[in-house]
């Protein structure tokens, strides 16, 4: 199964956000290259909010280019067998934490946001990844900072998208 086919399967099974889910599925149906950064109409991305449920906190990255506190995530790559693999790879690379595990429910949220030309949109499929006990994070080249925030602190540092993702991740625990 191709990554494109996997994404369509994952999205067809996603129970929430029906209008946005259909927009993602229409995008994939209309763009054979809809998984890749080169697709100028926009592309599917994968992200994961790293959570530590035992301590009631999430790990956010201060994105180097956007200068915003965000979850870990980014573009799919040819070596990603599944959308979940892409999300887990991005979370591991950007957090430096080995042994992350995605919540078994699959994606917890979808978020479509505009990006600069030549592309138009990121159609982000958002997962939640649980950090193992004693996890030690390490800042990647894509980040200016990496920091744990208590659940109730997220709204004070991040945009609405990250707040909604935190709520969705907590509800999926």
C-alpha atoms as a PDB file:
ATOM      1  CA  UNK A   1       0.000   0.000   0.000  1.00  0.00           C
ATOM      2  CA  UNK A   2       1.351   3.442  -0.878  1.00  0.00           C
ATOM      3  CA  UNK A   3       1.550   6.321   1.584  1.00  0.00           C
ATOM      4  CA  UNK A   4      -1.179   8.059  -0.451  1.00  0.00           C
ATOM      5  CA  UNK A   5      -3.454   5.018  -0.076  1.00  0.00           C
ATOM      6  CA  UNK A   6      -2.658   4.730   3.629  1.00  0.00           C
ATOM      7  CA  UNK A   7      -3.552   8.391   4.193  1.00  0.00           C
ATOM      8  CA  UNK A   8      -6.875   7.956   2.407  1.00  0.00           C
ATOM      9  CA  UNK A   9      -7.634   4.857   4.495  1.00  0.00           C
ATOM     10  CA  UNK A  10      -6.720   6.637   7.735  1.00  0.00           C
ATOM     11  CA  UNK A  11      -8.841   9.645   6.832  1.00  0.00           C
ATOM     12  CA  UNK A  12     -11.853   7.535   5.806  1.00  0.00           C
ATOM     13  CA  UNK A  13     -11.708   5.934   9.265  1.00  0.00           C
ATOM     14  CA  UNK A  14     -11.276   9.208  11.167  1.00  0.00           C
ATOM     15  CA  UNK A  15     -14.522   9.738  13.105  1.00  0.00           C
ATOM     16  CA  UNK A  16     -14.395  13.500  13.680  1.00  0.00           C
ATOM     17  CA  UNK A  17     -14.402  16.768  11.751  1.00  0.00           C
ATOM     18  CA  UNK A  18     -16.432  15.428   8.800  1.00  0.00           C
ATOM     19  CA  UNK A  19     -16.229  18.522   6.578  1.00  0.00           C
ATOM     20  CA  UNK A  20     -12.483  18.855   6.957  1.00  0.00           C
ATOM     21  CA  UNK A  21     -12.014  15.097   6.562  1.00  0.00           C
ATOM     22  CA  UNK A  22     -13.902  15.233   3.251  1.00  0.00           C
ATOM     23  CA  UNK A  23     -11.788  18.173   2.090  1.00  0.00           C
ATOM     24  CA  UNK A  24      -8.641  16.109   2.793  1.00  0.00           C
ATOM     25  CA  UNK A  25     -10.074  13.094   0.953  1.00  0.00           C
ATOM     26  CA  UNK A  26     -11.090  15.261  -2.017  1.00  0.00           C
ATOM     27  CA  UNK A  27      -7.563  16.689  -2.075  1.00  0.00           C
ATOM     28  CA  UNK A  28      -6.045  13.206  -2.201  1.00  0.00           C
ATOM     29  CA  UNK A  29      -8.513  12.071  -4.864  1.00  0.00           C
ATOM     30  CA  UNK A  30      -7.633  15.060  -7.031  1.00  0.00           C
ATOM     31  CA  UNK A  31      -3.861  15.073  -6.520  1.00  0.00           C
ATOM     32  CA  UNK A  32      -1.702  11.995  -6.999  1.00  0.00           C
ATOM     33  CA  UNK A  33       1.122  14.075  -5.481  1.00  0.00           C
ATOM     34  CA  UNK A  34      -1.035  15.333  -2.598  1.00  0.00           C
ATOM     35  CA  UNK A  35       1.246  13.794   0.037  1.00  0.00           C
ATOM     36  CA  UNK A  36       4.349  15.673  -1.046  1.00  0.00           C
ATOM     37  CA  UNK A  37       5.730  19.141  -0.454  1.00  0.00           C
ATOM     38  CA  UNK A  38       5.960  19.655  -4.237  1.00  0.00           C
ATOM     39  CA  UNK A  39       2.152  19.669  -4.578  1.00  0.00           C
ATOM     40  CA  UNK A  40       1.420  23.370  -5.038  1.00  0.00           C
ATOM     41  CA  UNK A  41      -2.278  22.958  -4.249  1.00  0.00           C
ATOM     42  CA  UNK A  42      -1.220  21.956  -0.741  1.00  0.00           C
ATOM     43  CA  UNK A  43      -0.168  18.707   0.844  1.00  0.00           C
ATOM     44  CA  UNK A  44      -0.851  16.328   3.681  1.00  0.00           C
ATOM     45  CA  UNK A  45       1.500  16.711   6.651  1.00  0.00           C
ATOM     46  CA  UNK A  46       1.810  14.631   9.811  1.00  0.00           C
ATOM     47  CA  UNK A  47       2.378  15.838  13.341  1.00  0.00           C
ATOM     48  CA  UNK A  48       2.304  14.547  16.885  1.00  0.00           C
ATOM     49  CA  UNK A  49       1.824  16.280  20.195  1.00  0.00           C
ATOM     50  CA  UNK A  50       4.256  14.723  22.669  1.00  0.00           C
ATOM     51  CA  UNK A  51       2.484  14.212  25.981  1.00  0.00           C
ATOM     52  CA  UNK A  52       3.477  13.072  29.442  1.00  0.00           C
ATOM     53  CA  UNK A  53       0.114  12.071  30.953  1.00  0.00           C
ATOM     54  CA  UNK A  54       1.606  11.081  34.306  1.00  0.00           C
ATOM     55  CA  UNK A  55       2.827  14.653  34.843  1.00  0.00           C
ATOM     56  CA  UNK A  56       0.005  16.448  32.989  1.00  0.00           C
ATOM     57  CA  UNK A  57       2.178  18.161  30.418  1.00  0.00           C
ATOM     58  CA  UNK A  58       3.032  18.471  26.722  1.00  0.00           C
ATOM     59  CA  UNK A  59       6.320  19.095  24.940  1.00  0.00           C
ATOM     60  CA  UNK A  60       6.287  21.979  22.457  1.00  0.00           C
ATOM     61  CA  UNK A  61       8.929  23.219  20.076  1.00  0.00           C
ATOM     62  CA  UNK A  62       9.648  26.868  19.363  1.00  0.00           C
ATOM     63  CA  UNK A  63       9.721  26.565  15.582  1.00  0.00           C
ATOM     64  CA  UNK A  64      12.826  28.153  14.066  1.00  0.00           C
ATOM     65  CA  UNK A  65      11.111  29.692  11.012  1.00  0.00           C
ATOM     66  CA  UNK A  66       7.661  30.476  12.423  1.00  0.00           C
ATOM     67  CA  UNK A  67       8.825  31.486  15.918  1.00  0.00           C
ATOM     68  CA  UNK A  68       5.728  29.900  17.415  1.00  0.00           C
ATOM     69  CA  UNK A  69       5.291  27.157  20.025  1.00  0.00           C
ATOM     70  CA  UNK A  70       3.997  24.128  18.101  1.00  0.00           C
ATOM     71  CA  UNK A  71       3.702  20.349  18.254  1.00  0.00           C
ATOM     72  CA  UNK A  72       6.327  18.295  16.436  1.00  0.00           C
ATOM     73  CA  UNK A  73       5.561  17.628  12.793  1.00  0.00           C
ATOM     74  CA  UNK A  74       6.219  18.219   9.167  1.00  0.00           C
ATOM     75  CA  UNK A  75       6.327  16.846   5.667  1.00  0.00           C
ATOM     76  CA  UNK A  76       5.944  13.228   4.703  1.00  0.00           C
ATOM     77  CA  UNK A  77       9.021  11.596   3.223  1.00  0.00           C
ATOM     78  CA  UNK A  78       9.394   8.754   0.696  1.00  0.00           C
ATOM     79  CA  UNK A  79      10.648   6.406   3.426  1.00  0.00           C
ATOM     80  CA  UNK A  80       7.451   6.778   5.475  1.00  0.00           C
ATOM     81  CA  UNK A  81       5.343   3.654   5.022  1.00  0.00           C
ATOM     82  CA  UNK A  82       2.308   5.145   6.767  1.00  0.00           C
ATOM     83  CA  UNK A  83       0.999   8.480   7.947  1.00  0.00           C
ATOM     84  CA  UNK A  84       1.494   7.278  11.531  1.00  0.00           C
ATOM     85  CA  UNK A  85       5.134   6.470  10.698  1.00  0.00           C
ATOM     86  CA  UNK A  86       5.604  10.019   9.400  1.00  0.00           C
ATOM     87  CA  UNK A  87       4.110  11.531  12.567  1.00  0.00           C
ATOM     88  CA  UNK A  88       6.223   9.326  14.823  1.00  0.00           C
ATOM     89  CA  UNK A  89       9.398  10.039  12.821  1.00  0.00           C
ATOM     90  CA  UNK A  90       8.802  13.791  13.004  1.00  0.00           C
ATOM     91  CA  UNK A  91       8.064  13.651  16.741  1.00  0.00           C
ATOM     92  CA  UNK A  92      11.189  11.610  17.413  1.00  0.00           C
ATOM     93  CA  UNK A  93      13.442  13.784  15.239  1.00  0.00           C
ATOM     94  CA  UNK A  94      12.195  17.082  16.634  1.00  0.00           C
ATOM     95  CA  UNK A  95      11.928  16.064  20.300  1.00  0.00           C
ATOM     96  CA  UNK A  96      15.054  13.923  20.480  1.00  0.00           C
ATOM     97  CA  UNK A  97      13.044  11.429  22.555  1.00  0.00           C
ATOM     98  CA  UNK A  98      13.489   7.749  21.758  1.00  0.00           C
ATOM     99  CA  UNK A  99      10.689   5.311  22.556  1.00  0.00           C
ATOM    100  CA  UNK A 100       7.699   7.549  21.842  1.00  0.00           C
ATOM    101  CA  UNK A 101       4.481   5.657  21.178  1.00  0.00           C
ATOM    102  CA  UNK A 102       1.446   6.987  19.338  1.00  0.00           C
ATOM    103  CA  UNK A 103      -1.920   6.637  21.019  1.00  0.00           C
ATOM    104  CA  UNK A 104      -3.608   3.595  19.435  1.00  0.00           C
ATOM    105  CA  UNK A 105      -6.739   5.582  18.484  1.00  0.00           C
ATOM    106  CA  UNK A 106      -4.966   6.979  15.408  1.00  0.00           C
ATOM    107  CA  UNK A 107      -5.170  10.680  14.598  1.00  0.00           C
ATOM    108  CA  UNK A 108      -6.819  12.846  17.238  1.00  0.00           C
ATOM    109  CA  UNK A 109      -7.427  15.951  15.110  1.00  0.00           C
ATOM    110  CA  UNK A 110      -7.106  17.545  11.668  1.00  0.00           C
ATOM    111  CA  UNK A 111      -5.859  21.088  11.084  1.00  0.00           C
ATOM    112  CA  UNK A 112      -5.744  22.939   7.753  1.00  0.00           C
ATOM    113  CA  UNK A 113      -3.610  26.073   7.727  1.00  0.00           C
ATOM    114  CA  UNK A 114      -2.270  28.363   5.001  1.00  0.00           C
ATOM    115  CA  UNK A 115       1.417  28.431   4.115  1.00  0.00           C
ATOM    116  CA  UNK A 116       3.445  30.743   1.875  1.00  0.00           C
ATOM    117  CA  UNK A 117       3.652  30.257  -1.906  1.00  0.00           C
ATOM    118  CA  UNK A 118       4.334  28.288  -3.984  1.00  0.00           C
ATOM    119  CA  UNK A 119       2.265  25.885  -1.899  1.00  0.00           C
ATOM    120  CA  UNK A 120      -1.041  26.993  -0.447  1.00  0.00           C
ATOM    121  CA  UNK A 121      -2.041  24.699   2.400  1.00  0.00           C
ATOM    122  CA  UNK A 122      -0.834  22.219   4.958  1.00  0.00           C
ATOM    123  CA  UNK A 123      -3.485  19.616   5.592  1.00  0.00           C
ATOM    124  CA  UNK A 124      -2.131  18.341   8.890  1.00  0.00           C
ATOM    125  CA  UNK A 125      -3.119  14.980  10.337  1.00  0.00           C
ATOM    126  CA  UNK A 126      -2.419  15.242  14.056  1.00  0.00           C
ATOM    127  CA  UNK A 127      -1.544  12.393  16.403  1.00  0.00           C
ATOM    128  CA  UNK A 128      -0.585  12.228  20.077  1.00  0.00           C
ATOM    129  CA  UNK A 129       2.630  10.517  21.178  1.00  0.00           C
ATOM    130  CA  UNK A 130       3.255   9.418  24.754  1.00  0.00           C
ATOM    131  CA  UNK A 131       6.747  10.004  26.122  1.00  0.00           C
ATOM    132  CA  UNK A 132       8.266   7.092  28.039  1.00  0.00           C
ATOM    133  CA  UNK A 133       9.043   7.562  31.752  1.00  0.00           C
ATOM    134  CA  UNK A 134      12.237   9.549  32.283  1.00  0.00           C
ATOM    135  CA  UNK A 135      12.316  10.785  28.675  1.00  0.00           C
ATOM    136  CA  UNK A 136      15.079  13.276  27.927  1.00  0.00           C
ATOM    137  CA  UNK A 137      14.368  15.756  25.135  1.00  0.00           C
ATOM    138  CA  UNK A 138      16.989  17.321  22.845  1.00  0.00           C
ATOM    139  CA  UNK A 139      16.584  20.403  20.652  1.00  0.00           C
ATOM    140  CA  UNK A 140      16.787  19.747  16.902  1.00  0.00           C
ATOM    141  CA  UNK A 141      18.084  22.039  14.159  1.00  0.00           C
ATOM    142  CA  UNK A 142      14.475  22.950  13.333  1.00  0.00           C
ATOM    143  CA  UNK A 143      13.858  24.411  16.760  1.00  0.00           C
ATOM    144  CA  UNK A 144      14.919  27.434  18.770  1.00  0.00           C
ATOM    145  CA  UNK A 145      13.751  25.871  22.022  1.00  0.00           C
ATOM    146  CA  UNK A 146      11.982  22.815  23.368  1.00  0.00           C
ATOM    147  CA  UNK A 147       9.976  22.993  26.572  1.00  0.00           C
ATOM    148  CA  UNK A 148       7.438  21.079  28.635  1.00  0.00           C
ATOM    149  CA  UNK A 149       4.224  22.953  29.453  1.00  0.00           C
ATOM    150  CA  UNK A 150       1.512  21.929  31.892  1.00  0.00           C
ATOM    151  CA  UNK A 151      -1.798  21.364  30.124  1.00  0.00           C
ATOM    152  CA  UNK A 152      -3.219  24.595  31.533  1.00  0.00           C
ATOM    153  CA  UNK A 153      -0.208  26.625  30.329  1.00  0.00           C
ATOM    154  CA  UNK A 154      -0.623  25.791  26.632  1.00  0.00           C
ATOM    155  CA  UNK A 155      -3.249  28.468  25.968  1.00  0.00           C
ATOM    156  CA  UNK A 156      -0.843  31.119  27.252  1.00  0.00           C
ATOM    157  CA  UNK A 157       1.971  30.247  24.828  1.00  0.00           C
ATOM    158  CA  UNK A 158       0.459  28.590  21.755  1.00  0.00           C
ATOM    159  CA  UNK A 159      -2.206  29.342  19.166  1.00  0.00           C
ATOM    160  CA  UNK A 160      -5.732  27.922  19.088  1.00  0.00           C
ATOM    161  CA  UNK A 161      -4.686  24.991  16.907  1.00  0.00           C
ATOM    162  CA  UNK A 162      -2.263  23.695  19.554  1.00  0.00           C
ATOM    163  CA  UNK A 163      -4.781  24.304  22.331  1.00  0.00           C
ATOM    164  CA  UNK A 164      -7.403  22.258  20.446  1.00  0.00           C
ATOM    165  CA  UNK A 165      -4.844  19.529  19.746  1.00  0.00           C
ATOM    166  CA  UNK A 166      -3.965  19.371  23.447  1.00  0.00           C
ATOM    167  CA  UNK A 167      -7.633  19.023  24.330  1.00  0.00           C
ATOM    168  CA  UNK A 168      -8.121  16.296  21.711  1.00  0.00           C
ATOM    169  CA  UNK A 169      -5.046  14.406  22.913  1.00  0.00           C
ATOM    170  CA  UNK A 170      -6.191  14.537  26.517  1.00  0.00           C
ATOM    171  CA  UNK A 171      -9.661  13.303  25.534  1.00  0.00           C
ATOM    172  CA  UNK A 172      -8.082  10.370  23.667  1.00  0.00           C
ATOM    173  CA  UNK A 173      -6.040   9.170  26.670  1.00  0.00           C
END
